[in-house]
Amino acid sequence: MIKQRVYDFLRTIPKGKVVTYGQIAEFLGNKQLARVVGNILHNNPDEYKYPCYKVVDSKGNLSKHFAFGGIEKQKEKLEKDGIKVSNYKVDLSRYKM
């Protein structure tokens, strides 16, 4: 099932790193599934078990519609992981897994 593969992938992201929707889609075998990945993450059943806050867009932007408290909460969680967020964006050259 695609959903579970996405959720399982989230658990492999180390502290201090982020991934993009496209990276997860590539892991699934089809880069065109990036939007599907976004929809799956928006319906994440457990934010603690499946850390979707570690997923950003292809430019490093945080999600305006982060499912667990909005963009400010995503920023807070990333910073707690040691990731510097500037203008709601992370430096992918530094933090991308």
N, C-alpha and C. Protein backbone atom coordinates (compact mmCIF):
# COMPACT_ATOMS: atom_id res chain seq x y z
N MET A 1 0.85 -1.18 0.00
CA MET A 1 0.00 0.00 0.00
C MET A 1 0.89 1.24 0.00
N ILE A 2 0.59 2.17 -0.88
CA ILE A 2 1.42 3.37 -1.02
C ILE A 2 1.45 4.19 0.27
N LYS A 3 0.32 4.36 0.91
CA LYS A 3 0.27 5.16 2.14
C LYS A 3 1.28 4.66 3.16
N GLN A 4 1.27 3.39 3.43
CA GLN A 4 2.16 2.84 4.45
C GLN A 4 3.61 2.98 4.05
N ARG A 5 3.91 2.84 2.76
CA ARG A 5 5.30 3.01 2.31
C ARG A 5 5.76 4.45 2.55
N VAL A 6 4.87 5.42 2.33
CA VAL A 6 5.20 6.82 2.59
C VAL A 6 5.45 7.01 4.09
N TYR A 7 4.54 6.52 4.91
CA TYR A 7 4.70 6.69 6.36
C TYR A 7 5.96 6.00 6.87
N ASP A 8 6.26 4.82 6.34
CA ASP A 8 7.47 4.12 6.75
C ASP A 8 8.72 4.89 6.35
N PHE A 9 8.69 5.52 5.16
CA PHE A 9 9.83 6.31 4.71
C PHE A 9 10.10 7.48 5.67
N LEU A 10 9.04 8.10 6.15
CA LEU A 10 9.20 9.23 7.08
C LEU A 10 10.02 8.84 8.30
N ARG A 11 9.88 7.62 8.73
CA ARG A 11 10.57 7.15 9.93
C ARG A 11 12.07 6.95 9.69
N THR A 12 12.52 7.00 8.43
CA THR A 12 13.94 6.82 8.13
C THR A 12 14.69 8.14 8.04
N ILE A 13 13.99 9.26 8.12
CA ILE A 13 14.63 10.57 8.00
C ILE A 13 15.34 10.88 9.31
N PRO A 14 16.66 11.05 9.26
CA PRO A 14 17.38 11.32 10.50
C PRO A 14 17.11 12.71 11.08
N LYS A 15 17.34 12.85 12.35
CA LYS A 15 17.22 14.15 13.00
C LYS A 15 18.16 15.13 12.29
N GLY A 16 17.67 16.33 12.06
CA GLY A 16 18.48 17.35 11.41
C GLY A 16 18.46 17.30 9.90
N LYS A 17 17.61 16.46 9.34
CA LYS A 17 17.50 16.34 7.88
C LYS A 17 16.05 16.48 7.44
N VAL A 18 15.88 16.89 6.18
CA VAL A 18 14.56 16.98 5.57
C VAL A 18 14.59 16.23 4.24
N VAL A 19 13.41 15.95 3.72
CA VAL A 19 13.26 15.40 2.38
C VAL A 19 12.20 16.22 1.65
N THR A 20 12.16 16.06 0.34
CA THR A 20 11.14 16.72 -0.46
C THR A 20 10.04 15.72 -0.83
N TYR A 21 8.91 16.27 -1.24
CA TYR A 21 7.83 15.41 -1.71
C TYR A 21 8.32 14.57 -2.88
N GLY A 22 9.13 15.19 -3.75
CA GLY A 22 9.68 14.49 -4.90
C GLY A 22 10.59 13.34 -4.52
N GLN A 23 11.38 13.52 -3.47
CA GLN A 23 12.24 12.42 -3.01
C GLN A 23 11.42 11.22 -2.58
N ILE A 24 10.34 11.48 -1.88
CA ILE A 24 9.48 10.38 -1.44
C ILE A 24 8.84 9.72 -2.66
N ALA A 25 8.39 10.54 -3.61
CA ALA A 25 7.79 9.99 -4.84
C ALA A 25 8.79 9.13 -5.59
N GLU A 26 10.05 9.58 -5.66
CA GLU A 26 11.09 8.77 -6.32
C GLU A 26 11.28 7.46 -5.59
N PHE A 27 11.26 7.49 -4.26
CA PHE A 27 11.37 6.28 -3.46
C PHE A 27 10.24 5.31 -3.83
N LEU A 28 9.07 5.86 -4.11
CA LEU A 28 7.93 5.03 -4.50
C LEU A 28 8.05 4.52 -5.94
N GLY A 29 8.99 5.10 -6.69
CA GLY A 29 9.21 4.63 -8.06
C GLY A 29 8.62 5.51 -9.13
N ASN A 30 8.04 6.66 -8.76
CA ASN A 30 7.42 7.53 -9.77
C ASN A 30 7.42 8.97 -9.27
N LYS A 31 8.31 9.78 -9.81
CA LYS A 31 8.44 11.18 -9.37
C LYS A 31 7.14 11.96 -9.57
N GLN A 32 6.28 11.49 -10.46
CA GLN A 32 5.00 12.15 -10.72
C GLN A 32 4.02 12.02 -9.55
N LEU A 33 4.37 11.23 -8.56
CA LEU A 33 3.48 11.02 -7.41
C LEU A 33 3.68 12.05 -6.30
N ALA A 34 4.42 13.11 -6.55
CA ALA A 34 4.71 14.10 -5.51
C ALA A 34 3.44 14.68 -4.90
N ARG A 35 2.44 14.98 -5.70
CA ARG A 35 1.18 15.53 -5.17
C ARG A 35 0.42 14.48 -4.36
N VAL A 36 0.50 13.25 -4.81
CA VAL A 36 -0.14 12.15 -4.07
C VAL A 36 0.52 12.04 -2.69
N VAL A 37 1.83 12.15 -2.67
CA VAL A 37 2.56 12.11 -1.39
C VAL A 37 2.06 13.23 -0.48
N GLY A 38 1.89 14.43 -1.03
CA GLY A 38 1.37 15.55 -0.24
C GLY A 38 0.02 15.25 0.37
N ASN A 39 -0.85 14.66 -0.41
CA ASN A 39 -2.19 14.31 0.10
C ASN A 39 -2.10 13.25 1.20
N ILE A 40 -1.23 12.29 1.01
CA ILE A 40 -1.05 11.25 2.03
C ILE A 40 -0.55 11.88 3.33
N LEU A 41 0.41 12.78 3.22
CA LEU A 41 0.97 13.42 4.42
C LEU A 41 -0.07 14.27 5.12
N HIS A 42 -0.95 14.89 4.36
CA HIS A 42 -1.98 15.73 4.96
C HIS A 42 -2.96 14.89 5.80
N ASN A 43 -3.01 13.61 5.51
CA ASN A 43 -3.90 12.71 6.25
C ASN A 43 -3.13 11.79 7.20
N ASN A 44 -1.94 12.21 7.58
CA ASN A 44 -1.10 11.45 8.49
C ASN A 44 -1.87 11.14 9.78
N PRO A 45 -1.95 9.86 10.15
CA PRO A 45 -2.70 9.49 11.34
C PRO A 45 -1.98 9.74 12.67
N ASP A 46 -0.65 9.94 12.62
CA ASP A 46 0.11 10.06 13.87
C ASP A 46 1.37 10.89 13.64
N GLU A 47 1.33 12.16 14.01
CA GLU A 47 2.45 13.06 13.75
C GLU A 47 3.72 12.68 14.51
N TYR A 48 3.58 11.92 15.59
CA TYR A 48 4.76 11.53 16.36
C TYR A 48 5.41 10.28 15.79
N LYS A 49 4.61 9.35 15.35
CA LYS A 49 5.14 8.12 14.76
C LYS A 49 5.67 8.37 13.35
N TYR A 50 5.00 9.26 12.61
CA TYR A 50 5.36 9.56 11.23
C TYR A 50 5.64 11.06 11.09
N PRO A 51 6.91 11.47 11.25
CA PRO A 51 7.27 12.89 11.33
C PRO A 51 7.20 13.63 9.98
N CYS A 52 5.99 13.95 9.57
CA CYS A 52 5.79 14.61 8.28
C CYS A 52 6.29 16.06 8.26
N TYR A 53 6.59 16.61 9.42
CA TYR A 53 7.12 17.98 9.46
C TYR A 53 8.48 18.07 8.77
N LYS A 54 9.13 16.93 8.54
CA LYS A 54 10.45 16.90 7.90
C LYS A 54 10.37 16.93 6.38
N VAL A 55 9.17 17.13 5.83
CA VAL A 55 8.99 17.16 4.39
C VAL A 55 8.73 18.59 3.93
N VAL A 56 9.51 19.02 2.92
CA VAL A 56 9.39 20.36 2.36
C VAL A 56 9.25 20.25 0.84
N ASP A 57 8.95 21.38 0.19
CA ASP A 57 8.82 21.31 -1.26
C ASP A 57 10.20 21.33 -1.93
N SER A 58 10.23 21.27 -3.24
CA SER A 58 11.47 21.14 -3.99
C SER A 58 12.41 22.34 -3.86
N LYS A 59 11.90 23.44 -3.33
CA LYS A 59 12.73 24.63 -3.12
C LYS A 59 13.08 24.82 -1.64
N GLY A 60 12.61 23.90 -0.80
CA GLY A 60 12.90 23.98 0.63
C GLY A 60 11.85 24.71 1.44
N ASN A 61 10.75 25.11 0.79
CA ASN A 61 9.69 25.83 1.49
C ASN A 61 8.88 24.91 2.40
N LEU A 62 8.50 25.45 3.55
CA LEU A 62 7.64 24.73 4.47
C LEU A 62 6.21 24.73 3.93
N SER A 63 5.38 23.87 4.47
CA SER A 63 3.99 23.74 4.03
C SER A 63 3.10 24.77 4.70
N LYS A 64 2.42 25.56 3.89
CA LYS A 64 1.46 26.53 4.43
C LYS A 64 0.28 25.82 5.09
N HIS A 65 0.09 24.57 4.71
CA HIS A 65 -1.06 23.79 5.21
C HIS A 65 -0.61 22.60 6.05
N PHE A 66 0.47 22.76 6.80
CA PHE A 66 0.95 21.67 7.65
C PHE A 66 -0.20 21.18 8.52
N ALA A 67 -0.46 19.89 8.44
CA ALA A 67 -1.65 19.30 9.05
C ALA A 67 -1.72 19.40 10.57
N PHE A 68 -0.59 19.57 11.22
CA PHE A 68 -0.57 19.55 12.68
C PHE A 68 -0.20 20.91 13.26
N GLY A 69 -0.97 21.93 12.91
CA GLY A 69 -0.77 23.24 13.52
C GLY A 69 -0.30 24.34 12.59
N GLY A 70 -0.18 24.08 11.31
CA GLY A 70 0.20 25.12 10.37
C GLY A 70 1.70 25.31 10.25
N ILE A 71 2.05 26.29 9.43
CA ILE A 71 3.44 26.53 9.07
C ILE A 71 4.31 26.91 10.28
N GLU A 72 3.75 27.63 11.24
CA GLU A 72 4.52 28.01 12.43
C GLU A 72 4.92 26.79 13.24
N LYS A 73 4.02 25.82 13.34
CA LYS A 73 4.30 24.59 14.09
C LYS A 73 5.37 23.77 13.37
N GLN A 74 5.29 23.71 12.03
CA GLN A 74 6.31 22.98 11.28
C GLN A 74 7.68 23.64 11.49
N LYS A 75 7.72 24.95 11.43
CA LYS A 75 8.96 25.70 11.65
C LYS A 75 9.52 25.38 13.04
N GLU A 76 8.67 25.42 14.04
CA GLU A 76 9.08 25.13 15.41
C GLU A 76 9.68 23.73 15.54
N LYS A 77 9.04 22.75 14.94
CA LYS A 77 9.52 21.37 15.02
C LYS A 77 10.86 21.20 14.31
N LEU A 78 11.01 21.83 13.14
CA LEU A 78 12.27 21.74 12.41
C LEU A 78 13.40 22.39 13.21
N GLU A 79 13.13 23.55 13.78
CA GLU A 79 14.16 24.24 14.56
C GLU A 79 14.55 23.42 15.79
N LYS A 80 13.59 22.74 16.38
CA LYS A 80 13.87 21.87 17.52
C LYS A 80 14.81 20.73 17.11
N ASP A 81 14.74 20.33 15.84
CA ASP A 81 15.61 19.28 15.29
C ASP A 81 16.99 19.83 14.90
N GLY A 82 17.19 21.14 15.06
CA GLY A 82 18.48 21.74 14.71
C GLY A 82 18.57 22.26 13.29
N ILE A 83 17.43 22.37 12.64
CA ILE A 83 17.39 22.86 11.26
C ILE A 83 17.07 24.35 11.26
N LYS A 84 17.94 25.13 10.63
CA LYS A 84 17.71 26.57 10.56
C LYS A 84 16.65 26.86 9.50
N VAL A 85 15.63 27.62 9.90
CA VAL A 85 14.56 28.00 8.99
C VAL A 85 14.60 29.51 8.83
N SER A 86 14.68 29.97 7.60
CA SER A 86 14.72 31.40 7.32
C SER A 86 13.61 31.73 6.32
N ASN A 87 12.72 32.63 6.71
CA ASN A 87 11.57 32.99 5.87
C ASN A 87 10.77 31.75 5.45
N TYR A 88 10.60 30.83 6.39
CA TYR A 88 9.82 29.60 6.18
C TYR A 88 10.41 28.73 5.08
N LYS A 89 11.72 28.71 5.03
CA LYS A 89 12.44 27.93 4.02
C LYS A 89 13.69 27.35 4.66
N VAL A 90 14.08 26.13 4.22
CA VAL A 90 15.32 25.52 4.69
C VAL A 90 16.30 25.41 3.52
N ASP A 91 17.56 25.41 3.85
CA ASP A 91 18.62 25.29 2.85
C ASP A 91 18.79 23.81 2.51
N LEU A 92 18.30 23.42 1.34
CA LEU A 92 18.36 22.01 0.96
C LEU A 92 19.79 21.52 0.77
N SER A 93 20.69 22.41 0.36
CA SER A 93 22.08 21.96 0.17
C SER A 93 22.71 21.57 1.51
N ARG A 94 22.15 22.05 2.58
CA ARG A 94 22.67 21.75 3.91
C ARG A 94 21.87 20.65 4.64
N TYR A 95 20.55 20.64 4.47
CA TYR A 95 19.70 19.77 5.29
C TYR A 95 19.02 18.62 4.56
N LYS A 96 19.09 18.60 3.25
CA LYS A 96 18.42 17.53 2.50
C LYS A 96 19.11 16.18 2.72
N MET A 97 18.31 15.18 3.00
CA MET A 97 18.82 13.82 3.24
C MET A 97 19.33 13.24 1.94
